[in-house]
Amino acid sequence: MIDKKISETIVFGKENESQDPEFEKMTEDLNFRNAFLEKLVECEKKFSGMAQNEIIDLFYSYNLEKEAFKKLEQTKSHLIGGGIQELTSMKVKSALPKITSFLSHPAPQVYQEAQYAMLAFKGFEGLHFLNNTQHIISEWQQLRLLTSITETPDQADNNIHLWLDSTNNSVIIFTLRLLKKFQMFAFYDSVWNLLQHSSIEVRIRAVQTLSALENNQTIPDFITIFSEQPTDVQSEIIKTMEISRDQRAVEFLKEQLLNHLVINVRISAAEALFSLGHQNYLSELINLETSSDELIKIIKHALQERIC
């Protein structure tokens, strides 16, 4: 019955749909109204343009926002989160003040929906919650938020600098993803400074972002600061050199392959040399009598990984 109602509305429009007394009677039942609401939200995600507008009009014509608002007064997290999602999906702007109050809610299911709602209603401006959030923004939530942002305003610089200085590492990492997505080269120096951050994860993400914002000095500068970095960050720097295809890194990579103390870094160096077109050099090392068994195993492992 609900599916039929929605289909007719999408095809014929709300004004031209046939009247169904039985359906009208059913909409007085609370359980039916909630099921109707859930189905509308599900359909809204599948359609765009006029069809989506018809779905939203149907939502308002039956005053289903009342059911969604009621959920915001519940104590169970999944009900509150569901209510926020419904009000956001149906573009109920009057709900924004109430939804904003849930940004500090302790339950991820609630504050994540509130965060997403901010962007759905306000675009980039909705990221204001990053200024002081103490919540960890999960990997999944970061990608979800990032997908929702289609442009960055010209006056975003102050906010971005604030987020890069956040004490919440997940805010910094999300901001780095933002810079990478929109190729915001003006923040190159600020990202570089994060290579001194106390978090190894932040440093690794900074290296990845610098790779996306790369300029002519990036690879030489990576070589300069390489020895100061933890092993995991060093491995990420070598991956960046591999991606860059910059031949200026070759001698440095050879040095790491031959002399670095950590096997994983040596393997990464061998893989990078292979990608940069120095397979002959690696083959010569394998056949060199003075090459250690360990070096030969490292090179063969790297070659096997790249060939496979």
C-alpha atoms as a PDB file:
ATOM      1  CA  MET A   1       0.000   0.000   0.000  1.00  0.00           C
ATOM      2  CA  ILE A   2       2.758   2.444   0.920  1.00  0.00           C
ATOM      3  CA  ASP A   3       4.852   1.501  -2.110  1.00  0.00           C
ATOM      4  CA  LYS A   4       1.856   2.011  -4.379  1.00  0.00           C
ATOM      5  CA  LYS A   5       1.139   5.430  -2.886  1.00  0.00           C
ATOM      6  CA  ILE A   6       4.715   6.595  -3.353  1.00  0.00           C
ATOM      7  CA  SER A   7       4.934   5.206  -6.892  1.00  0.00           C
ATOM      8  CA  GLU A   8       1.709   6.925  -7.953  1.00  0.00           C
ATOM      9  CA  THR A   9       2.876  10.208  -6.473  1.00  0.00           C
ATOM     10  CA  ILE A  10       6.203  10.047  -8.295  1.00  0.00           C
ATOM     11  CA  VAL A  11       4.596   9.118 -11.631  1.00  0.00           C
ATOM     12  CA  PHE A  12       1.444  11.274 -11.601  1.00  0.00           C
ATOM     13  CA  GLY A  13       2.308  13.959  -9.074  1.00  0.00           C
ATOM     14  CA  LYS A  14       0.573  14.590  -5.790  1.00  0.00           C
ATOM     15  CA  GLU A  15      -2.155  16.696  -7.389  1.00  0.00           C
ATOM     16  CA  ASN A  16      -3.132  14.017  -9.923  1.00  0.00           C
ATOM     17  CA  GLU A  17      -2.916  10.865  -7.824  1.00  0.00           C
ATOM     18  CA  SER A  18      -6.030   8.817  -7.154  1.00  0.00           C
ATOM     19  CA  GLN A  19      -7.587   9.084  -3.707  1.00  0.00           C
ATOM     20  CA  ASP A  20      -7.550   5.980  -1.540  1.00  0.00           C
ATOM     21  CA  PRO A  21      -9.890   6.188   1.484  1.00  0.00           C
ATOM     22  CA  GLU A  22      -8.341   3.081   3.013  1.00  0.00           C
ATOM     23  CA  PHE A  23      -4.858   4.614   2.844  1.00  0.00           C
ATOM     24  CA  GLU A  24      -6.112   7.848   4.379  1.00  0.00           C
ATOM     25  CA  LYS A  25      -7.626   5.868   7.238  1.00  0.00           C
ATOM     26  CA  MET A  26      -4.382   3.954   7.792  1.00  0.00           C
ATOM     27  CA  THR A  27      -2.392   7.177   8.167  1.00  0.00           C
ATOM     28  CA  GLU A  28      -4.160   7.740  11.479  1.00  0.00           C
ATOM     29  CA  ASP A  29      -2.309   4.739  12.912  1.00  0.00           C
ATOM     30  CA  LEU A  30       1.028   5.585  14.562  1.00  0.00           C
ATOM     31  CA  ASN A  31       2.819   2.410  13.474  1.00  0.00           C
ATOM     32  CA  PHE A  32       1.660   2.907   9.895  1.00  0.00           C
ATOM     33  CA  ARG A  33       2.830   6.532   9.933  1.00  0.00           C
ATOM     34  CA  ASN A  34       6.276   5.488  11.128  1.00  0.00           C
ATOM     35  CA  ALA A  35       6.490   2.811   8.443  1.00  0.00           C
ATOM     36  CA  PHE A  36       5.359   5.368   5.850  1.00  0.00           C
ATOM     37  CA  LEU A  37       8.011   7.804   7.060  1.00  0.00           C
ATOM     38  CA  GLU A  38      10.787   5.210   6.911  1.00  0.00           C
ATOM     39  CA  LYS A  39       9.796   4.264   3.370  1.00  0.00           C
ATOM     40  CA  LEU A  40       9.798   7.886   2.233  1.00  0.00           C
ATOM     41  CA  VAL A  41      13.296   8.387   3.628  1.00  0.00           C
ATOM     42  CA  GLU A  42      14.459   5.223   1.892  1.00  0.00           C
ATOM     43  CA  CYS A  43      12.984   6.399  -1.431  1.00  0.00           C
ATOM     44  CA  GLU A  44      14.345   9.932  -1.089  1.00  0.00           C
ATOM     45  CA  LYS A  45      17.875   8.529  -1.257  1.00  0.00           C
ATOM     46  CA  LYS A  46      17.119   6.790  -4.559  1.00  0.00           C
ATOM     47  CA  PHE A  47      15.632   9.730  -6.449  1.00  0.00           C
ATOM     48  CA  SER A  48      16.569  13.278  -7.381  1.00  0.00           C
ATOM     49  CA  GLY A  49      14.961  16.257  -9.085  1.00  0.00           C
ATOM     50  CA  MET A  50      11.186  16.307  -9.457  1.00  0.00           C
ATOM     51  CA  ALA A  51      10.725  12.785  -8.109  1.00  0.00           C
ATOM     52  CA  GLN A  52      12.569  13.684  -4.925  1.00  0.00           C
ATOM     53  CA  ASN A  53      10.495  16.846  -4.560  1.00  0.00           C
ATOM     54  CA  GLU A  54       7.290  14.829  -4.882  1.00  0.00           C
ATOM     55  CA  ILE A  55       8.470  12.515  -2.091  1.00  0.00           C
ATOM     56  CA  ILE A  56       9.202  15.468   0.186  1.00  0.00           C
ATOM     57  CA  ASP A  57       5.823  17.048  -0.632  1.00  0.00           C
ATOM     58  CA  LEU A  58       4.155  13.772   0.303  1.00  0.00           C
ATOM     59  CA  PHE A  59       6.018  13.841   3.614  1.00  0.00           C
ATOM     60  CA  TYR A  60       4.690  17.305   4.422  1.00  0.00           C
ATOM     61  CA  SER A  61       1.161  16.644   3.190  1.00  0.00           C
ATOM     62  CA  TYR A  62       0.734  13.982   5.874  1.00  0.00           C
ATOM     63  CA  ASN A  63       2.519  16.012   8.569  1.00  0.00           C
ATOM     64  CA  LEU A  64       5.045  13.233   9.079  1.00  0.00           C
ATOM     65  CA  GLU A  65       7.554  15.697  10.501  1.00  0.00           C
ATOM     66  CA  LYS A  66       5.619  15.309  13.768  1.00  0.00           C
ATOM     67  CA  GLU A  67       6.691  11.670  13.997  1.00  0.00           C
ATOM     68  CA  ALA A  68      10.308  12.568  13.240  1.00  0.00           C
ATOM     69  CA  PHE A  69      10.358  15.364  15.831  1.00  0.00           C
ATOM     70  CA  LYS A  70       8.922  13.021  18.459  1.00  0.00           C
ATOM     71  CA  LYS A  71      11.953  10.763  18.043  1.00  0.00           C
ATOM     72  CA  LEU A  72      14.237  13.624  19.070  1.00  0.00           C
ATOM     73  CA  GLU A  73      12.552  13.587  22.481  1.00  0.00           C
ATOM     74  CA  GLN A  74      13.308   9.896  23.059  1.00  0.00           C
ATOM     75  CA  THR A  75      16.128   8.565  25.231  1.00  0.00           C
ATOM     76  CA  LYS A  76      17.237   5.696  23.001  1.00  0.00           C
ATOM     77  CA  SER A  77      20.115   6.642  20.730  1.00  0.00           C
ATOM     78  CA  HIS A  78      18.901   4.746  17.675  1.00  0.00           C
ATOM     79  CA  LEU A  79      15.550   6.547  17.806  1.00  0.00           C
ATOM     80  CA  ILE A  80      17.146   9.977  18.124  1.00  0.00           C
ATOM     81  CA  GLY A  81      19.588   9.199  15.323  1.00  0.00           C
ATOM     82  CA  GLY A  82      16.731   7.949  13.168  1.00  0.00           C
ATOM     83  CA  GLY A  83      14.748  11.123  13.794  1.00  0.00           C
ATOM     84  CA  ILE A  84      17.700  13.310  12.831  1.00  0.00           C
ATOM     85  CA  GLN A  85      18.210  11.283   9.671  1.00  0.00           C
ATOM     86  CA  GLU A  86      14.533  11.600   8.723  1.00  0.00           C
ATOM     87  CA  LEU A  87      14.387  15.353   9.302  1.00  0.00           C
ATOM     88  CA  THR A  88      17.607  15.820   7.362  1.00  0.00           C
ATOM     89  CA  SER A  89      16.481  13.653   4.481  1.00  0.00           C
ATOM     90  CA  MET A  90      13.193  15.559   4.215  1.00  0.00           C
ATOM     91  CA  LYS A  91      15.000  18.904   4.467  1.00  0.00           C
ATOM     92  CA  VAL A  92      13.123  20.145   7.536  1.00  0.00           C
ATOM     93  CA  LYS A  93      15.156  23.296   8.173  1.00  0.00           C
ATOM     94  CA  SER A  94      13.132  24.192  11.237  1.00  0.00           C
ATOM     95  CA  ALA A  95      14.731  21.176  12.942  1.00  0.00           C
ATOM     96  CA  LEU A  96      18.249  22.593  12.662  1.00  0.00           C
ATOM     97  CA  PRO A  97      18.427  24.282  16.111  1.00  0.00           C
ATOM     98  CA  LYS A  98      17.285  21.085  17.819  1.00  0.00           C
ATOM     99  CA  ILE A  99      19.630  18.908  15.754  1.00  0.00           C
ATOM    100  CA  THR A 100      22.541  21.231  16.582  1.00  0.00           C
ATOM    101  CA  SER A 101      22.057  20.476  20.272  1.00  0.00           C
ATOM    102  CA  PHE A 102      22.879  16.823  19.568  1.00  0.00           C
ATOM    103  CA  LEU A 103      26.407  17.561  18.304  1.00  0.00           C
ATOM    104  CA  SER A 104      27.693  17.009  21.837  1.00  0.00           C
ATOM    105  CA  HIS A 105      25.600  13.888  22.483  1.00  0.00           C
ATOM    106  CA  PRO A 106      27.733  11.000  23.819  1.00  0.00           C
ATOM    107  CA  ALA A 107      26.330   8.343  21.453  1.00  0.00           C
ATOM    108  CA  PRO A 108      28.069   8.053  18.042  1.00  0.00           C
ATOM    109  CA  GLN A 109      24.775   7.091  16.397  1.00  0.00           C
ATOM    110  CA  VAL A 110      23.390  10.477  17.441  1.00  0.00           C
ATOM    111  CA  TYR A 111      26.267  12.918  17.049  1.00  0.00           C
ATOM    112  CA  GLN A 112      27.317  11.434  13.698  1.00  0.00           C
ATOM    113  CA  GLU A 113      23.846  12.048  12.268  1.00  0.00           C
ATOM    114  CA  ALA A 114      23.900  15.557  13.740  1.00  0.00           C
ATOM    115  CA  GLN A 115      27.275  16.238  12.103  1.00  0.00           C
ATOM    116  CA  TYR A 116      26.016  15.017   8.750  1.00  0.00           C
ATOM    117  CA  ALA A 117      22.887  17.143   9.112  1.00  0.00           C
ATOM    118  CA  MET A 118      25.005  20.266   9.564  1.00  0.00           C
ATOM    119  CA  LEU A 119      26.577  19.732   6.155  1.00  0.00           C
ATOM    120  CA  ALA A 120      23.301  18.735   4.509  1.00  0.00           C
ATOM    121  CA  PHE A 121      21.660  21.970   5.622  1.00  0.00           C
ATOM    122  CA  LYS A 122      24.585  24.408   5.572  1.00  0.00           C
ATOM    123  CA  GLY A 123      27.275  23.002   3.299  1.00  0.00           C
ATOM    124  CA  PHE A 124      30.878  23.844   4.232  1.00  0.00           C
ATOM    125  CA  GLU A 125      29.653  26.232   6.909  1.00  0.00           C
ATOM    126  CA  GLY A 126      28.175  23.228   8.675  1.00  0.00           C
ATOM    127  CA  LEU A 127      31.685  22.094   9.584  1.00  0.00           C
ATOM    128  CA  HIS A 128      31.699  24.622  12.420  1.00  0.00           C
ATOM    129  CA  PHE A 129      31.398  21.702  14.849  1.00  0.00           C
ATOM    130  CA  LEU A 130      35.050  20.882  14.090  1.00  0.00           C
ATOM    131  CA  ASN A 131      36.072  23.988  16.037  1.00  0.00           C
ATOM    132  CA  ASN A 132      35.511  22.345  19.398  1.00  0.00           C
ATOM    133  CA  THR A 133      34.331  18.751  18.999  1.00  0.00           C
ATOM    134  CA  GLN A 134      35.891  16.258  21.378  1.00  0.00           C
ATOM    135  CA  HIS A 135      34.404  13.278  19.553  1.00  0.00           C
ATOM    136  CA  ILE A 136      36.628  11.048  17.451  1.00  0.00           C
ATOM    137  CA  ILE A 137      35.510  11.325  13.828  1.00  0.00           C
ATOM    138  CA  SER A 138      35.637   7.764  12.552  1.00  0.00           C
ATOM    139  CA  GLU A 139      37.127   6.785   9.201  1.00  0.00           C
ATOM    140  CA  TRP A 140      33.655   6.032   7.846  1.00  0.00           C
ATOM    141  CA  GLN A 141      32.240   9.325   9.108  1.00  0.00           C
ATOM    142  CA  GLN A 142      35.122  11.303   7.625  1.00  0.00           C
ATOM    143  CA  LEU A 143      34.469   9.820   4.186  1.00  0.00           C
ATOM    144  CA  ARG A 144      30.747  10.434   4.573  1.00  0.00           C
ATOM    145  CA  LEU A 145      31.271  14.092   5.472  1.00  0.00           C
ATOM    146  CA  LEU A 146      33.872  14.583   2.768  1.00  0.00           C
ATOM    147  CA  THR A 147      31.508  13.258   0.112  1.00  0.00           C
ATOM    148  CA  SER A 148      28.927  15.833   1.200  1.00  0.00           C
ATOM    149  CA  ILE A 149      31.233  18.791   0.582  1.00  0.00           C
ATOM    150  CA  THR A 150      31.195  19.971  -3.022  1.00  0.00           C
ATOM    151  CA  GLU A 151      33.083  23.258  -2.670  1.00  0.00           C
ATOM    152  CA  THR A 152      35.047  25.359  -0.210  1.00  0.00           C
ATOM    153  CA  PRO A 153      34.370  29.079   0.276  1.00  0.00           C
ATOM    154  CA  ASP A 154      37.103  31.671  -0.257  1.00  0.00           C
ATOM    155  CA  GLN A 155      36.897  32.725   3.389  1.00  0.00           C
ATOM    156  CA  ALA A 156      37.599  29.231   4.734  1.00  0.00           C
ATOM    157  CA  ASP A 157      41.290  29.843   5.523  1.00  0.00           C
ATOM    158  CA  ASN A 158      40.889  30.816   9.180  1.00  0.00           C
ATOM    159  CA  ASN A 159      38.769  27.775   9.945  1.00  0.00           C
ATOM    160  CA  ILE A 160      41.146  25.405   8.184  1.00  0.00           C
ATOM    161  CA  HIS A 161      44.149  26.770  10.080  1.00  0.00           C
ATOM    162  CA  LEU A 162      42.178  26.337  13.306  1.00  0.00           C
ATOM    163  CA  TRP A 163      41.370  22.713  12.461  1.00  0.00           C
ATOM    164  CA  LEU A 164      44.974  21.921  11.550  1.00  0.00           C
ATOM    165  CA  ASP A 165      45.947  23.123  15.037  1.00  0.00           C
ATOM    166  CA  SER A 166      43.220  21.082  16.751  1.00  0.00           C
ATOM    167  CA  THR A 167      44.004  18.922  19.769  1.00  0.00           C
ATOM    168  CA  ASN A 168      41.660  16.326  18.231  1.00  0.00           C
ATOM    169  CA  ASN A 169      43.778  14.269  15.835  1.00  0.00           C
ATOM    170  CA  SER A 170      40.746  13.067  13.891  1.00  0.00           C
ATOM    171  CA  VAL A 171      39.862  16.696  13.116  1.00  0.00           C
ATOM    172  CA  ILE A 172      43.372  17.261  11.755  1.00  0.00           C
ATOM    173  CA  ILE A 173      43.209  14.105   9.645  1.00  0.00           C
ATOM    174  CA  PHE A 174      39.804  15.060   8.250  1.00  0.00           C
ATOM    175  CA  THR A 175      41.121  18.520   7.378  1.00  0.00           C
ATOM    176  CA  LEU A 176      44.089  16.983   5.572  1.00  0.00           C
ATOM    177  CA  ARG A 177      41.660  14.926   3.518  1.00  0.00           C
ATOM    178  CA  LEU A 178      39.765  18.115   2.743  1.00  0.00           C
ATOM    179  CA  LEU A 179      42.936  19.842   1.534  1.00  0.00           C
ATOM    180  CA  LYS A 180      43.804  16.827  -0.587  1.00  0.00           C
ATOM    181  CA  LYS A 181      40.354  16.612  -2.168  1.00  0.00           C
ATOM    182  CA  PHE A 182      40.232  20.273  -3.146  1.00  0.00           C
ATOM    183  CA  GLN A 183      43.959  20.615  -3.950  1.00  0.00           C
ATOM    184  CA  MET A 184      44.377  23.542  -1.559  1.00  0.00           C
ATOM    185  CA  PHE A 185      48.017  24.354  -2.302  1.00  0.00           C
ATOM    186  CA  ALA A 186      48.032  27.475  -0.124  1.00  0.00           C
ATOM    187  CA  PHE A 187      48.181  25.249   2.969  1.00  0.00           C
ATOM    188  CA  TYR A 188      51.316  23.379   1.887  1.00  0.00           C
ATOM    189  CA  ASP A 189      53.536  24.959   4.563  1.00  0.00           C
ATOM    190  CA  SER A 190      50.974  24.341   7.304  1.00  0.00           C
ATOM    191  CA  VAL A 191      50.780  20.684   6.308  1.00  0.00           C
ATOM    192  CA  TRP A 192      54.577  20.433   6.251  1.00  0.00           C
ATOM    193  CA  ASN A 193      54.697  21.654   9.847  1.00  0.00           C
ATOM    194  CA  LEU A 194      52.609  18.631  10.850  1.00  0.00           C
ATOM    195  CA  LEU A 195      55.638  16.428  10.181  1.00  0.00           C
ATOM    196  CA  GLN A 196      56.650  17.459  13.704  1.00  0.00           C
ATOM    197  CA  HIS A 197      53.307  16.418  15.216  1.00  0.00           C
ATOM    198  CA  SER A 198      53.353  14.034  18.182  1.00  0.00           C
ATOM    199  CA  SER A 199      50.994  11.595  16.418  1.00  0.00           C
ATOM    200  CA  ILE A 200      52.572   9.225  13.895  1.00  0.00           C
ATOM    201  CA  GLU A 201      49.184   8.820  12.192  1.00  0.00           C
ATOM    202  CA  VAL A 202      48.936  12.587  11.674  1.00  0.00           C
ATOM    203  CA  ARG A 203      52.467  12.636  10.232  1.00  0.00           C
ATOM    204  CA  ILE A 204      51.630   9.814   7.813  1.00  0.00           C
ATOM    205  CA  ARG A 205      48.496  11.629   6.659  1.00  0.00           C
ATOM    206  CA  ALA A 206      50.532  14.803   6.268  1.00  0.00           C
ATOM    207  CA  VAL A 207      52.987  12.979   3.984  1.00  0.00           C
ATOM    208  CA  GLN A 208      50.084  11.691   1.882  1.00  0.00           C
ATOM    209  CA  THR A 209      48.633  15.190   1.626  1.00  0.00           C
ATOM    210  CA  LEU A 210      51.989  16.715   0.708  1.00  0.00           C
ATOM    211  CA  SER A 211      52.207  14.142  -2.063  1.00  0.00           C
ATOM    212  CA  ALA A 212      48.913  15.464  -3.453  1.00  0.00           C
ATOM    213  CA  LEU A 213      50.060  19.091  -3.061  1.00  0.00           C
ATOM    214  CA  GLU A 214      53.572  18.318  -4.320  1.00  0.00           C
ATOM    215  CA  ASN A 215      55.834  21.042  -5.674  1.00  0.00           C
ATOM    216  CA  ASN A 216      59.362  20.944  -7.091  1.00  0.00           C
ATOM    217  CA  GLN A 217      60.944  21.009  -3.642  1.00  0.00           C
ATOM    218  CA  THR A 218      58.862  18.272  -1.999  1.00  0.00           C
ATOM    219  CA  ILE A 219      61.100  15.274  -2.763  1.00  0.00           C
ATOM    220  CA  PRO A 220      64.395  17.027  -1.849  1.00  0.00           C
ATOM    221  CA  ASP A 221      62.796  18.243   1.372  1.00  0.00           C
ATOM    222  CA  PHE A 222      61.567  14.733   2.181  1.00  0.00           C
ATOM    223  CA  ILE A 223      65.132  13.490   1.779  1.00  0.00           C
ATOM    224  CA  THR A 224      66.368  16.172   4.176  1.00  0.00           C
ATOM    225  CA  ILE A 225      63.961  15.326   6.998  1.00  0.00           C
ATOM    226  CA  PHE A 226      63.830  11.563   6.403  1.00  0.00           C
ATOM    227  CA  SER A 227      66.204  10.536   9.189  1.00  0.00           C
ATOM    228  CA  GLU A 228      64.229  12.546  11.766  1.00  0.00           C
ATOM    229  CA  GLN A 229      61.032  10.582  11.171  1.00  0.00           C
ATOM    230  CA  PRO A 230      59.741   7.352  12.777  1.00  0.00           C
ATOM    231  CA  THR A 231      59.994   4.205  10.674  1.00  0.00           C
ATOM    232  CA  ASP A 232      56.319   4.179   9.639  1.00  0.00           C
ATOM    233  CA  VAL A 233      56.587   7.744   8.393  1.00  0.00           C
ATOM    234  CA  GLN A 234      59.802   6.914   6.545  1.00  0.00           C
ATOM    235  CA  SER A 235      58.009   4.088   4.741  1.00  0.00           C
ATOM    236  CA  GLU A 236      55.249   6.503   3.726  1.00  0.00           C
ATOM    237  CA  ILE A 237      57.806   8.990   2.419  1.00  0.00           C
ATOM    238  CA  ILE A 238      59.333   6.274   0.245  1.00  0.00           C
ATOM    239  CA  LYS A 239      55.869   5.395  -1.095  1.00  0.00           C
ATOM    240  CA  THR A 240      55.444   9.057  -1.997  1.00  0.00           C
ATOM    241  CA  MET A 241      58.743   9.001  -3.863  1.00  0.00           C
ATOM    242  CA  GLU A 242      57.552   5.944  -5.753  1.00  0.00           C
ATOM    243  CA  ILE A 243      54.297   7.649  -6.710  1.00  0.00           C
ATOM    244  CA  SER A 244      56.048  10.850  -7.771  1.00  0.00           C
ATOM    245  CA  ARG A 245      58.302   9.050 -10.294  1.00  0.00           C
ATOM    246  CA  ASP A 246      60.905  11.706  -9.461  1.00  0.00           C
ATOM    247  CA  GLN A 247      64.339  10.431 -10.527  1.00  0.00           C
ATOM    248  CA  ARG A 248      66.018  12.753  -8.023  1.00  0.00           C
ATOM    249  CA  ALA A 249      65.068  10.204  -5.368  1.00  0.00           C
ATOM    250  CA  VAL A 250      66.987   7.319  -6.969  1.00  0.00           C
ATOM    251  CA  GLU A 251      70.352   7.692  -5.212  1.00  0.00           C
ATOM    252  CA  PHE A 252      68.604   8.231  -1.901  1.00  0.00           C
ATOM    253  CA  LEU A 253      66.523   5.081  -2.421  1.00  0.00           C
ATOM    254  CA  LYS A 254      69.621   3.072  -3.260  1.00  0.00           C
ATOM    255  CA  GLU A 255      71.186   4.254  -0.020  1.00  0.00           C
ATOM    256  CA  GLN A 256      68.129   3.144   1.984  1.00  0.00           C
ATOM    257  CA  LEU A 257      68.036  -0.234   0.260  1.00  0.00           C
ATOM    258  CA  LEU A 258      71.668  -0.940   1.070  1.00  0.00           C
ATOM    259  CA  ASN A 259      72.044   0.550   4.528  1.00  0.00           C
ATOM    260  CA  HIS A 260      68.764   1.131   6.353  1.00  0.00           C
ATOM    261  CA  LEU A 261      68.424  -0.879   9.557  1.00  0.00           C
ATOM    262  CA  VAL A 262      64.740  -1.762   9.127  1.00  0.00           C
ATOM    263  CA  ILE A 263      63.861  -4.491   6.626  1.00  0.00           C
ATOM    264  CA  ASN A 264      60.419  -3.097   5.749  1.00  0.00           C
ATOM    265  CA  VAL A 265      61.949   0.238   4.775  1.00  0.00           C
ATOM    266  CA  ARG A 266      64.533  -1.543   2.625  1.00  0.00           C
ATOM    267  CA  ILE A 267      61.763  -3.509   0.909  1.00  0.00           C
ATOM    268  CA  SER A 268      59.865  -0.271   0.237  1.00  0.00           C
ATOM    269  CA  ALA A 269      63.019   1.260  -1.234  1.00  0.00           C
ATOM    270  CA  ALA A 270      63.505  -1.737  -3.543  1.00  0.00           C
ATOM    271  CA  GLU A 271      59.880  -1.556  -4.680  1.00  0.00           C
ATOM    272  CA  ALA A 272      60.234   2.166  -5.367  1.00  0.00           C
ATOM    273  CA  LEU A 273      63.391   1.610  -7.418  1.00  0.00           C
ATOM    274  CA  PHE A 274      61.550  -1.001  -9.455  1.00  0.00           C
ATOM    275  CA  SER A 275      58.674   1.405 -10.122  1.00  0.00           C
ATOM    276  CA  LEU A 276      61.126   4.151 -11.077  1.00  0.00           C
ATOM    277  CA  GLY A 277      62.561   1.912 -13.792  1.00  0.00           C
ATOM    278  CA  HIS A 278      65.739   0.609 -12.144  1.00  0.00           C
ATOM    279  CA  GLN A 279      65.090  -3.113 -12.486  1.00  0.00           C
ATOM    280  CA  ASN A 280      68.552  -3.663 -14.002  1.00  0.00           C
ATOM    281  CA  TYR A 281      70.206  -2.189 -10.917  1.00  0.00           C
ATOM    282  CA  LEU A 282      68.231  -4.545  -8.684  1.00  0.00           C
ATOM    283  CA  SER A 283      69.100  -7.541 -10.870  1.00  0.00           C
ATOM    284  CA  GLU A 284      72.787  -6.628 -10.733  1.00  0.00           C
ATOM    285  CA  LEU A 285      72.662  -6.522  -6.932  1.00  0.00           C
ATOM    286  CA  ILE A 286      71.144  -9.999  -6.842  1.00  0.00           C
ATOM    287  CA  ASN A 287      73.983 -11.371  -8.965  1.00  0.00           C
ATOM    288  CA  LEU A 288      76.722  -9.472  -7.152  1.00  0.00           C
ATOM    289  CA  GLU A 289      78.932 -11.813  -5.135  1.00  0.00           C
ATOM    290  CA  THR A 290      79.322  -9.297  -2.325  1.00  0.00           C
ATOM    291  CA  SER A 291      75.556  -8.927  -1.815  1.00  0.00           C
ATOM    292  CA  SER A 292      74.374 -10.429   1.456  1.00  0.00           C
ATOM    293  CA  ASP A 293      71.733 -13.137   1.567  1.00  0.00           C
ATOM    294  CA  GLU A 294      69.446 -10.701   3.362  1.00  0.00           C
ATOM    295  CA  LEU A 295      69.772  -8.075   0.610  1.00  0.00           C
ATOM    296  CA  ILE A 296      69.087 -10.664  -2.080  1.00  0.00           C
ATOM    297  CA  LYS A 297      65.968 -11.871  -0.240  1.00  0.00           C
ATOM    298  CA  ILE A 298      64.747  -8.282   0.157  1.00  0.00           C
ATOM    299  CA  ILE A 299      65.154  -7.543  -3.546  1.00  0.00           C
ATOM    300  CA  LYS A 300      63.558 -10.809  -4.641  1.00  0.00           C
ATOM    301  CA  HIS A 301      60.629 -10.164  -2.327  1.00  0.00           C
ATOM    302  CA  ALA A 302      60.201  -6.657  -3.736  1.00  0.00           C
ATOM    303  CA  LEU A 303      60.423  -7.900  -7.318  1.00  0.00           C
ATOM    304  CA  GLN A 304      57.896 -10.626  -6.634  1.00  0.00           C
ATOM    305  CA  GLU A 305      55.481  -8.107  -5.125  1.00  0.00           C
ATOM    306  CA  ARG A 306      55.762  -5.758  -8.101  1.00  0.00           C
ATOM    307  CA  ILE A 307      55.623  -8.449 -10.786  1.00  0.00           C
ATOM    308  CA  CYS A 308      52.572 -10.039  -9.165  1.00  0.00           C
END
